[in-house]
Amino acid sequence: MPQNLLALNWKMNKTPSEAMKWAETLASQLPQTQAELAILAPAIDLPALAQKLNGSSVGWGAQDISQHESGAYTGEISAAMLGDVGAKYAIVGHSERRLYQSESSQIVASKAAAAINGGIVPIICVGEGLDVREKGEQVPFTLDQLRDSLSQVPVLRADQMVVAYEPVWAIGTGKTATAQDAGEMADAIRDALRGLYREYAGDVRILYGGSVKPGNIAEICAQPNVNGALVGGASLDVESVVGLAQALA
């Protein structure tokens, strides 16, 4: 059974100085937990997190990564750049980037491959909108998106990625899929991974993301194929993060 991962997505929040203060506070309050913690911060915050968290049990990473190694791609951040500041993870294909930056699953697949080739673990996000859920088509929709997003990740690299299921209708809305909903989708994702990666499918951690809070994370992560959570709003407050970690202790 893979170790639970608590991936904290700050989105576009916290300046570098705020990130340093947040990391200092977390380091002084972090409880014993069986989960791995990783902060997914704006790229500009990563040097500050590296300064404060280096040598601790808490990892850090980015909210996006370029599909290119280097070159004339203004504004892009490469895997090598992230690695140089100690980043371990990068989110790819978050629903907000698929929506606002029109990222296709093909682009997501290229970013996932670039991350793995550069020594960064991609957290590959998939999930359905409310219209799909209301039609009862959430499983085939999400699995199609998953297969397309993994099209450039070879079998022998499966253990170097994470998959996050985030029902778009539950992100930042206060609505949360039930633990049963999360578990059923995680089961379907695991079955799809077995078809793609055979015996290596069990090495892939599957996260749930969508209005996760200290009060619901334990029940969600008790589902057999849920191996942690991708947390948005609740990740911004240290007290809340401590509560999430304690719930997984």
C-alpha atoms as a PDB file:
ATOM      1  CA  MET A   1       0.000   0.000   0.000  1.00  0.00           C
ATOM      2  CA  PRO A   2       1.552   3.343  -1.042  1.00  0.00           C
ATOM      3  CA  GLN A   3       2.088   5.993   1.625  1.00  0.00           C
ATOM      4  CA  ASN A   4      -0.676   8.604   1.722  1.00  0.00           C
ATOM      5  CA  LEU A   5       0.273  11.920   0.116  1.00  0.00           C
ATOM      6  CA  LEU A   6      -1.152  15.196   1.379  1.00  0.00           C
ATOM      7  CA  ALA A   7      -0.550  17.572  -1.542  1.00  0.00           C
ATOM      8  CA  LEU A   8      -1.249  21.197  -0.625  1.00  0.00           C
ATOM      9  CA  ASN A   9      -2.150  23.350  -3.622  1.00  0.00           C
ATOM     10  CA  TRP A  10      -1.853  27.021  -2.697  1.00  0.00           C
ATOM     11  CA  LYS A  11      -3.015  28.149  -6.142  1.00  0.00           C
ATOM     12  CA  MET A  12      -2.248  31.881  -6.697  1.00  0.00           C
ATOM     13  CA  ASN A  13      -1.772  32.743  -3.040  1.00  0.00           C
ATOM     14  CA  LYS A  14       1.118  33.780  -0.756  1.00  0.00           C
ATOM     15  CA  THR A  15       4.072  36.020  -1.523  1.00  0.00           C
ATOM     16  CA  PRO A  16       7.583  34.654  -0.858  1.00  0.00           C
ATOM     17  CA  SER A  17       7.709  36.400   2.518  1.00  0.00           C
ATOM     18  CA  GLU A  18       4.296  34.972   3.446  1.00  0.00           C
ATOM     19  CA  ALA A  19       5.448  31.533   2.307  1.00  0.00           C
ATOM     20  CA  MET A  20       8.498  31.752   4.602  1.00  0.00           C
ATOM     21  CA  LYS A  21       6.353  32.658   7.605  1.00  0.00           C
ATOM     22  CA  TRP A  22       3.871  29.887   6.786  1.00  0.00           C
ATOM     23  CA  ALA A  23       6.663  27.290   6.521  1.00  0.00           C
ATOM     24  CA  GLU A  24       8.183  28.432   9.825  1.00  0.00           C
ATOM     25  CA  THR A  25       4.820  28.093  11.557  1.00  0.00           C
ATOM     26  CA  LEU A  26       4.185  24.666  10.063  1.00  0.00           C
ATOM     27  CA  ALA A  27       7.613  23.408  11.112  1.00  0.00           C
ATOM     28  CA  SER A  28       6.865  24.397  14.715  1.00  0.00           C
ATOM     29  CA  GLN A  29       3.434  22.734  14.784  1.00  0.00           C
ATOM     30  CA  LEU A  30       3.676  19.720  12.487  1.00  0.00           C
ATOM     31  CA  PRO A  31       2.312  16.609  14.240  1.00  0.00           C
ATOM     32  CA  GLN A  32       3.430  13.033  13.776  1.00  0.00           C
ATOM     33  CA  THR A  33       1.634  11.639  10.745  1.00  0.00           C
ATOM     34  CA  GLN A  34       1.819   8.670   8.444  1.00  0.00           C
ATOM     35  CA  ALA A  35       1.202  10.874   5.407  1.00  0.00           C
ATOM     36  CA  GLU A  36       3.800  12.545   3.225  1.00  0.00           C
ATOM     37  CA  LEU A  37       3.277  16.315   2.991  1.00  0.00           C
ATOM     38  CA  ALA A  38       4.111  18.374  -0.084  1.00  0.00           C
ATOM     39  CA  ILE A  39       3.391  22.050  -0.736  1.00  0.00           C
ATOM     40  CA  LEU A  40       2.529  22.948  -4.335  1.00  0.00           C
ATOM     41  CA  ALA A  41       3.264  26.657  -4.461  1.00  0.00           C
ATOM     42  CA  PRO A  42       3.648  29.439  -7.028  1.00  0.00           C
ATOM     43  CA  ALA A  43       7.071  29.072  -8.620  1.00  0.00           C
ATOM     44  CA  ILE A  44       8.246  32.365  -7.129  1.00  0.00           C
ATOM     45  CA  ASP A  45       7.723  30.918  -3.616  1.00  0.00           C
ATOM     46  CA  LEU A  46       9.792  27.770  -4.114  1.00  0.00           C
ATOM     47  CA  PRO A  47      13.219  29.205  -3.143  1.00  0.00           C
ATOM     48  CA  ALA A  48      11.701  30.477   0.110  1.00  0.00           C
ATOM     49  CA  LEU A  49      10.201  27.077   0.856  1.00  0.00           C
ATOM     50  CA  ALA A  50      13.495  25.385   0.026  1.00  0.00           C
ATOM     51  CA  GLN A  51      15.257  27.675   2.501  1.00  0.00           C
ATOM     52  CA  LYS A  52      12.825  26.930   5.308  1.00  0.00           C
ATOM     53  CA  LEU A  53      11.972  23.266   4.666  1.00  0.00           C
ATOM     54  CA  ASN A  54      15.270  21.815   3.499  1.00  0.00           C
ATOM     55  CA  GLY A  55      16.089  18.844   5.720  1.00  0.00           C
ATOM     56  CA  SER A  56      12.521  18.524   7.000  1.00  0.00           C
ATOM     57  CA  SER A  57       9.982  15.812   6.194  1.00  0.00           C
ATOM     58  CA  VAL A  58       7.908  18.263   4.121  1.00  0.00           C
ATOM     59  CA  GLY A  59       8.426  18.399   0.363  1.00  0.00           C
ATOM     60  CA  TRP A  60       7.555  21.098  -2.141  1.00  0.00           C
ATOM     61  CA  GLY A  61       6.764  21.479  -5.792  1.00  0.00           C
ATOM     62  CA  ALA A  62       5.135  23.561  -8.507  1.00  0.00           C
ATOM     63  CA  GLN A  63       1.603  24.025  -9.792  1.00  0.00           C
ATOM     64  CA  ASP A  64       2.640  23.584 -13.412  1.00  0.00           C
ATOM     65  CA  ILE A  65       5.648  22.597 -15.517  1.00  0.00           C
ATOM     66  CA  SER A  66       6.723  23.231 -19.099  1.00  0.00           C
ATOM     67  CA  GLN A  67       6.541  20.485 -21.662  1.00  0.00           C
ATOM     68  CA  HIS A  68       9.867  21.828 -23.025  1.00  0.00           C
ATOM     69  CA  GLU A  69      13.366  21.273 -21.616  1.00  0.00           C
ATOM     70  CA  SER A  70      14.577  24.806 -22.415  1.00  0.00           C
ATOM     71  CA  GLY A  71      14.471  27.448 -25.131  1.00  0.00           C
ATOM     72  CA  ALA A  72      12.457  30.421 -26.328  1.00  0.00           C
ATOM     73  CA  TYR A  73       9.334  29.784 -24.243  1.00  0.00           C
ATOM     74  CA  THR A  74       8.784  33.029 -22.368  1.00  0.00           C
ATOM     75  CA  GLY A  75       7.189  32.569 -18.965  1.00  0.00           C
ATOM     76  CA  GLU A  76       7.658  28.809 -18.832  1.00  0.00           C
ATOM     77  CA  ILE A  77       9.356  26.920 -15.965  1.00  0.00           C
ATOM     78  CA  SER A  78      11.302  23.765 -16.845  1.00  0.00           C
ATOM     79  CA  ALA A  79      11.852  20.566 -14.889  1.00  0.00           C
ATOM     80  CA  ALA A  80      15.538  21.457 -14.523  1.00  0.00           C
ATOM     81  CA  MET A  81      14.638  24.825 -12.973  1.00  0.00           C
ATOM     82  CA  LEU A  82      12.295  23.149 -10.494  1.00  0.00           C
ATOM     83  CA  GLY A  83      14.851  20.513  -9.637  1.00  0.00           C
ATOM     84  CA  ASP A  84      17.444  23.182  -8.943  1.00  0.00           C
ATOM     85  CA  VAL A  85      15.335  24.531  -6.062  1.00  0.00           C
ATOM     86  CA  GLY A  86      14.694  21.052  -4.671  1.00  0.00           C
ATOM     87  CA  ALA A  87      11.174  20.608  -6.019  1.00  0.00           C
ATOM     88  CA  LYS A  88       9.930  17.017  -6.033  1.00  0.00           C
ATOM     89  CA  TYR A  89       6.444  17.423  -7.513  1.00  0.00           C
ATOM     90  CA  ALA A  90       4.549  19.393 -10.157  1.00  0.00           C
ATOM     91  CA  ILE A  91       0.811  19.487 -10.760  1.00  0.00           C
ATOM     92  CA  VAL A  92      -0.114  18.919 -14.405  1.00  0.00           C
ATOM     93  CA  GLY A  93      -3.544  19.248 -15.966  1.00  0.00           C
ATOM     94  CA  HIS A  94      -5.317  20.892 -13.042  1.00  0.00           C
ATOM     95  CA  SER A  95      -8.907  21.635 -14.034  1.00  0.00           C
ATOM     96  CA  GLU A  96      -8.304  25.373 -13.722  1.00  0.00           C
ATOM     97  CA  ARG A  97      -5.483  25.194 -16.284  1.00  0.00           C
ATOM     98  CA  ARG A  98      -7.550  22.972 -18.560  1.00  0.00           C
ATOM     99  CA  LEU A  99     -10.304  25.617 -18.369  1.00  0.00           C
ATOM    100  CA  TYR A 100      -8.491  28.966 -18.246  1.00  0.00           C
ATOM    101  CA  GLN A 101      -5.381  28.058 -20.272  1.00  0.00           C
ATOM    102  CA  SER A 102      -7.209  25.644 -22.610  1.00  0.00           C
ATOM    103  CA  GLU A 103      -4.768  22.834 -21.852  1.00  0.00           C
ATOM    104  CA  SER A 104      -5.657  19.670 -23.725  1.00  0.00           C
ATOM    105  CA  SER A 105      -4.952  16.178 -22.439  1.00  0.00           C
ATOM    106  CA  GLN A 106      -2.276  15.926 -25.130  1.00  0.00           C
ATOM    107  CA  ILE A 107      -0.453  18.913 -23.629  1.00  0.00           C
ATOM    108  CA  VAL A 108      -0.919  17.397 -20.182  1.00  0.00           C
ATOM    109  CA  ALA A 109       0.642  14.154 -21.444  1.00  0.00           C
ATOM    110  CA  SER A 110       3.650  16.083 -22.783  1.00  0.00           C
ATOM    111  CA  LYS A 111       4.063  17.895 -19.466  1.00  0.00           C
ATOM    112  CA  ALA A 112       3.828  14.646 -17.512  1.00  0.00           C
ATOM    113  CA  ALA A 113       6.537  13.103 -19.683  1.00  0.00           C
ATOM    114  CA  ALA A 114       8.753  16.189 -19.367  1.00  0.00           C
ATOM    115  CA  ALA A 115       8.382  16.103 -15.593  1.00  0.00           C
ATOM    116  CA  ILE A 116       9.310  12.434 -15.304  1.00  0.00           C
ATOM    117  CA  ASN A 117      12.232  12.803 -17.710  1.00  0.00           C
ATOM    118  CA  GLY A 118      13.459  15.730 -15.600  1.00  0.00           C
ATOM    119  CA  GLY A 119      13.216  13.902 -12.269  1.00  0.00           C
ATOM    120  CA  ILE A 120       9.990  15.603 -11.132  1.00  0.00           C
ATOM    121  CA  VAL A 121       6.940  13.582 -10.054  1.00  0.00           C
ATOM    122  CA  PRO A 122       3.852  14.812 -11.934  1.00  0.00           C
ATOM    123  CA  ILE A 123       0.520  14.933 -10.115  1.00  0.00           C
ATOM    124  CA  ILE A 124      -1.754  14.338 -13.092  1.00  0.00           C
ATOM    125  CA  CYS A 125      -5.261  15.711 -12.559  1.00  0.00           C
ATOM    126  CA  VAL A 126      -8.441  14.332 -14.111  1.00  0.00           C
ATOM    127  CA  GLY A 127     -12.119  14.775 -13.345  1.00  0.00           C
ATOM    128  CA  GLU A 128     -15.562  15.684 -14.615  1.00  0.00           C
ATOM    129  CA  GLY A 129     -17.710  18.787 -14.563  1.00  0.00           C
ATOM    130  CA  LEU A 130     -21.219  18.992 -13.118  1.00  0.00           C
ATOM    131  CA  ASP A 131     -22.879  18.495 -16.513  1.00  0.00           C
ATOM    132  CA  VAL A 132     -21.074  15.187 -16.990  1.00  0.00           C
ATOM    133  CA  ARG A 133     -21.873  14.057 -13.433  1.00  0.00           C
ATOM    134  CA  GLU A 134     -25.579  14.852 -13.863  1.00  0.00           C
ATOM    135  CA  LYS A 135     -25.674  12.669 -16.992  1.00  0.00           C
ATOM    136  CA  GLY A 136     -24.089   9.797 -15.060  1.00  0.00           C
ATOM    137  CA  GLU A 137     -21.135   9.762 -17.458  1.00  0.00           C
ATOM    138  CA  GLN A 138     -18.421  10.632 -14.938  1.00  0.00           C
ATOM    139  CA  VAL A 139     -16.578   7.293 -15.098  1.00  0.00           C
ATOM    140  CA  PRO A 140     -16.133   6.971 -18.884  1.00  0.00           C
ATOM    141  CA  PHE A 141     -15.369  10.702 -19.179  1.00  0.00           C
ATOM    142  CA  THR A 142     -12.691  10.621 -16.482  1.00  0.00           C
ATOM    143  CA  LEU A 143     -11.101   7.404 -17.714  1.00  0.00           C
ATOM    144  CA  ASP A 144     -10.902   8.735 -21.281  1.00  0.00           C
ATOM    145  CA  GLN A 145      -9.238  11.880 -19.947  1.00  0.00           C
ATOM    146  CA  LEU A 146      -6.885   9.735 -17.865  1.00  0.00           C
ATOM    147  CA  ARG A 147      -5.780   7.541 -20.764  1.00  0.00           C
ATOM    148  CA  ASP A 148      -5.143  10.579 -22.977  1.00  0.00           C
ATOM    149  CA  SER A 149      -3.216  12.342 -20.205  1.00  0.00           C
ATOM    150  CA  LEU A 150      -1.006   9.283 -19.629  1.00  0.00           C
ATOM    151  CA  SER A 151      -0.321   8.585 -23.298  1.00  0.00           C
ATOM    152  CA  GLN A 152       3.367   9.547 -23.021  1.00  0.00           C
ATOM    153  CA  VAL A 153       4.117   7.858 -19.674  1.00  0.00           C
ATOM    154  CA  PRO A 154       5.717   4.440 -20.367  1.00  0.00           C
ATOM    155  CA  VAL A 155       4.994   1.340 -18.305  1.00  0.00           C
ATOM    156  CA  LEU A 156       8.326   1.294 -16.505  1.00  0.00           C
ATOM    157  CA  ARG A 157       7.867   4.897 -15.305  1.00  0.00           C
ATOM    158  CA  ALA A 158       4.445   4.374 -13.731  1.00  0.00           C
ATOM    159  CA  ASP A 159       5.843   4.491 -10.204  1.00  0.00           C
ATOM    160  CA  GLN A 160       7.137   8.007 -10.891  1.00  0.00           C
ATOM    161  CA  MET A 161       3.718   9.661 -11.151  1.00  0.00           C
ATOM    162  CA  VAL A 162       0.642  10.435  -9.052  1.00  0.00           C
ATOM    163  CA  VAL A 163      -2.950  10.636 -10.309  1.00  0.00           C
ATOM    164  CA  ALA A 164      -5.406  13.059  -8.713  1.00  0.00           C
ATOM    165  CA  TYR A 165      -9.155  12.716  -9.223  1.00  0.00           C
ATOM    166  CA  GLU A 166     -10.791  16.117  -8.800  1.00  0.00           C
ATOM    167  CA  PRO A 167     -14.481  16.398  -9.614  1.00  0.00           C
ATOM    168  CA  VAL A 168     -14.569  19.909 -11.045  1.00  0.00           C
ATOM    169  CA  TRP A 169     -17.963  20.617  -9.503  1.00  0.00           C
ATOM    170  CA  ALA A 170     -16.501  20.111  -6.001  1.00  0.00           C
ATOM    171  CA  ILE A 171     -13.460  22.410  -6.290  1.00  0.00           C
ATOM    172  CA  GLY A 172     -13.805  25.513  -4.135  1.00  0.00           C
ATOM    173  CA  THR A 173     -17.578  25.157  -4.029  1.00  0.00           C
ATOM    174  CA  GLY A 174     -17.931  23.608  -0.598  1.00  0.00           C
ATOM    175  CA  LYS A 175     -19.531  20.591  -2.276  1.00  0.00           C
ATOM    176  CA  THR A 176     -17.673  17.349  -1.733  1.00  0.00           C
ATOM    177  CA  ALA A 177     -18.080  14.000  -3.387  1.00  0.00           C
ATOM    178  CA  THR A 178     -19.031  11.433  -0.810  1.00  0.00           C
ATOM    179  CA  ALA A 179     -16.380   9.024   0.355  1.00  0.00           C
ATOM    180  CA  GLN A 180     -18.223   6.372  -1.626  1.00  0.00           C
ATOM    181  CA  ASP A 181     -18.136   8.561  -4.779  1.00  0.00           C
ATOM    182  CA  ALA A 182     -14.409   9.122  -4.335  1.00  0.00           C
ATOM    183  CA  GLY A 183     -13.804   5.435  -3.672  1.00  0.00           C
ATOM    184  CA  GLU A 184     -15.782   4.262  -6.701  1.00  0.00           C
ATOM    185  CA  MET A 185     -13.880   6.582  -9.021  1.00  0.00           C
ATOM    186  CA  ALA A 186     -10.555   5.625  -7.472  1.00  0.00           C
ATOM    187  CA  ASP A 187     -11.436   1.952  -8.017  1.00  0.00           C
ATOM    188  CA  ALA A 188     -12.235   2.682 -11.676  1.00  0.00           C
ATOM    189  CA  ILE A 189      -8.980   4.603 -12.089  1.00  0.00           C
ATOM    190  CA  ARG A 190      -7.018   1.741 -10.535  1.00  0.00           C
ATOM    191  CA  ASP A 191      -8.628  -0.727 -12.934  1.00  0.00           C
ATOM    192  CA  ALA A 192      -7.745   1.536 -15.865  1.00  0.00           C
ATOM    193  CA  LEU A 193      -4.168   1.803 -14.606  1.00  0.00           C
ATOM    194  CA  ARG A 194      -3.956  -1.999 -14.469  1.00  0.00           C
ATOM    195  CA  GLY A 195      -4.914  -2.079 -18.127  1.00  0.00           C
ATOM    196  CA  LEU A 196      -2.193   0.438 -18.964  1.00  0.00           C
ATOM    197  CA  TYR A 197       0.592  -0.491 -16.539  1.00  0.00           C
ATOM    198  CA  ARG A 198      -0.146  -4.073 -15.499  1.00  0.00           C
ATOM    199  CA  GLU A 199       1.664  -5.056 -12.285  1.00  0.00           C
ATOM    200  CA  TYR A 200       3.038  -1.527 -11.859  1.00  0.00           C
ATOM    201  CA  ALA A 201      -0.448  -0.027 -11.393  1.00  0.00           C
ATOM    202  CA  GLY A 202      -0.353  -0.637  -7.658  1.00  0.00           C
ATOM    203  CA  ASP A 203       2.626   1.708  -7.312  1.00  0.00           C
ATOM    204  CA  VAL A 204       0.613   4.720  -8.499  1.00  0.00           C
ATOM    205  CA  ARG A 205      -0.878   6.868  -5.741  1.00  0.00           C
ATOM    206  CA  ILE A 206      -4.422   8.071  -6.430  1.00  0.00           C
ATOM    207  CA  LEU A 207      -5.460  11.285  -4.664  1.00  0.00           C
ATOM    208  CA  TYR A 208      -8.892  12.823  -4.214  1.00  0.00           C
ATOM    209  CA  GLY A 209      -9.239  16.591  -4.602  1.00  0.00           C
ATOM    210  CA  GLY A 210     -12.324  18.726  -4.087  1.00  0.00           C
ATOM    211  CA  SER A 211     -13.210  20.672  -0.904  1.00  0.00           C
ATOM    212  CA  VAL A 212     -11.160  18.371   1.335  1.00  0.00           C
ATOM    213  CA  LYS A 213     -11.213  19.383   5.000  1.00  0.00           C
ATOM    214  CA  PRO A 214      -9.984  17.948   8.323  1.00  0.00           C
ATOM    215  CA  GLY A 215     -13.507  16.705   8.959  1.00  0.00           C
ATOM    216  CA  ASN A 216     -13.816  14.554   5.832  1.00  0.00           C
ATOM    217  CA  ILE A 217     -10.285  13.546   4.816  1.00  0.00           C
ATOM    218  CA  ALA A 218     -10.035  10.429   7.000  1.00  0.00           C
ATOM    219  CA  GLU A 219     -13.231   8.872   5.620  1.00  0.00           C
ATOM    220  CA  ILE A 220     -12.207   9.664   2.043  1.00  0.00           C
ATOM    221  CA  CYS A 221      -8.695   8.256   2.466  1.00  0.00           C
ATOM    222  CA  ALA A 222     -10.074   5.119   4.120  1.00  0.00           C
ATOM    223  CA  GLN A 223     -11.290   4.029   0.686  1.00  0.00           C
ATOM    224  CA  PRO A 224      -9.071   1.163  -0.571  1.00  0.00           C
ATOM    225  CA  ASN A 225      -7.736   2.933  -3.665  1.00  0.00           C
ATOM    226  CA  VAL A 226      -7.518   6.485  -2.315  1.00  0.00           C
ATOM    227  CA  ASN A 227      -3.928   7.237  -1.271  1.00  0.00           C
ATOM    228  CA  GLY A 228      -4.210  10.826  -0.101  1.00  0.00           C
ATOM    229  CA  ALA A 229      -5.649  14.175  -1.085  1.00  0.00           C
ATOM    230  CA  LEU A 230      -4.978  17.207  -3.252  1.00  0.00           C
ATOM    231  CA  VAL A 231      -6.091  20.066  -0.996  1.00  0.00           C
ATOM    232  CA  GLY A 232      -6.862  23.598  -2.166  1.00  0.00           C
ATOM    233  CA  GLY A 233      -8.457  26.176   0.135  1.00  0.00           C
ATOM    234  CA  ALA A 234      -7.784  24.240   3.335  1.00  0.00           C
ATOM    235  CA  SER A 235      -4.051  24.257   2.546  1.00  0.00           C
ATOM    236  CA  LEU A 236      -3.620  27.987   3.125  1.00  0.00           C
ATOM    237  CA  ASP A 237      -4.048  27.913   6.903  1.00  0.00           C
ATOM    238  CA  VAL A 238      -1.454  26.102   9.010  1.00  0.00           C
ATOM    239  CA  GLU A 239      -4.003  25.097  11.642  1.00  0.00           C
ATOM    240  CA  SER A 240      -6.110  23.463   8.957  1.00  0.00           C
ATOM    241  CA  VAL A 241      -3.107  21.614   7.531  1.00  0.00           C
ATOM    242  CA  VAL A 242      -2.211  20.358  11.002  1.00  0.00           C
ATOM    243  CA  GLY A 243      -5.790  19.099  11.335  1.00  0.00           C
ATOM    244  CA  LEU A 244      -5.546  17.318   7.981  1.00  0.00           C
ATOM    245  CA  ALA A 245      -2.257  15.684   8.981  1.00  0.00           C
ATOM    246  CA  GLN A 246      -3.628  14.626  12.354  1.00  0.00           C
ATOM    247  CA  ALA A 247      -6.670  13.090  10.698  1.00  0.00           C
ATOM    248  CA  LEU A 248      -4.331  10.846   8.701  1.00  0.00           C
ATOM    249  CA  ALA A 249      -2.100   9.985  11.653  1.00  0.00           C
END
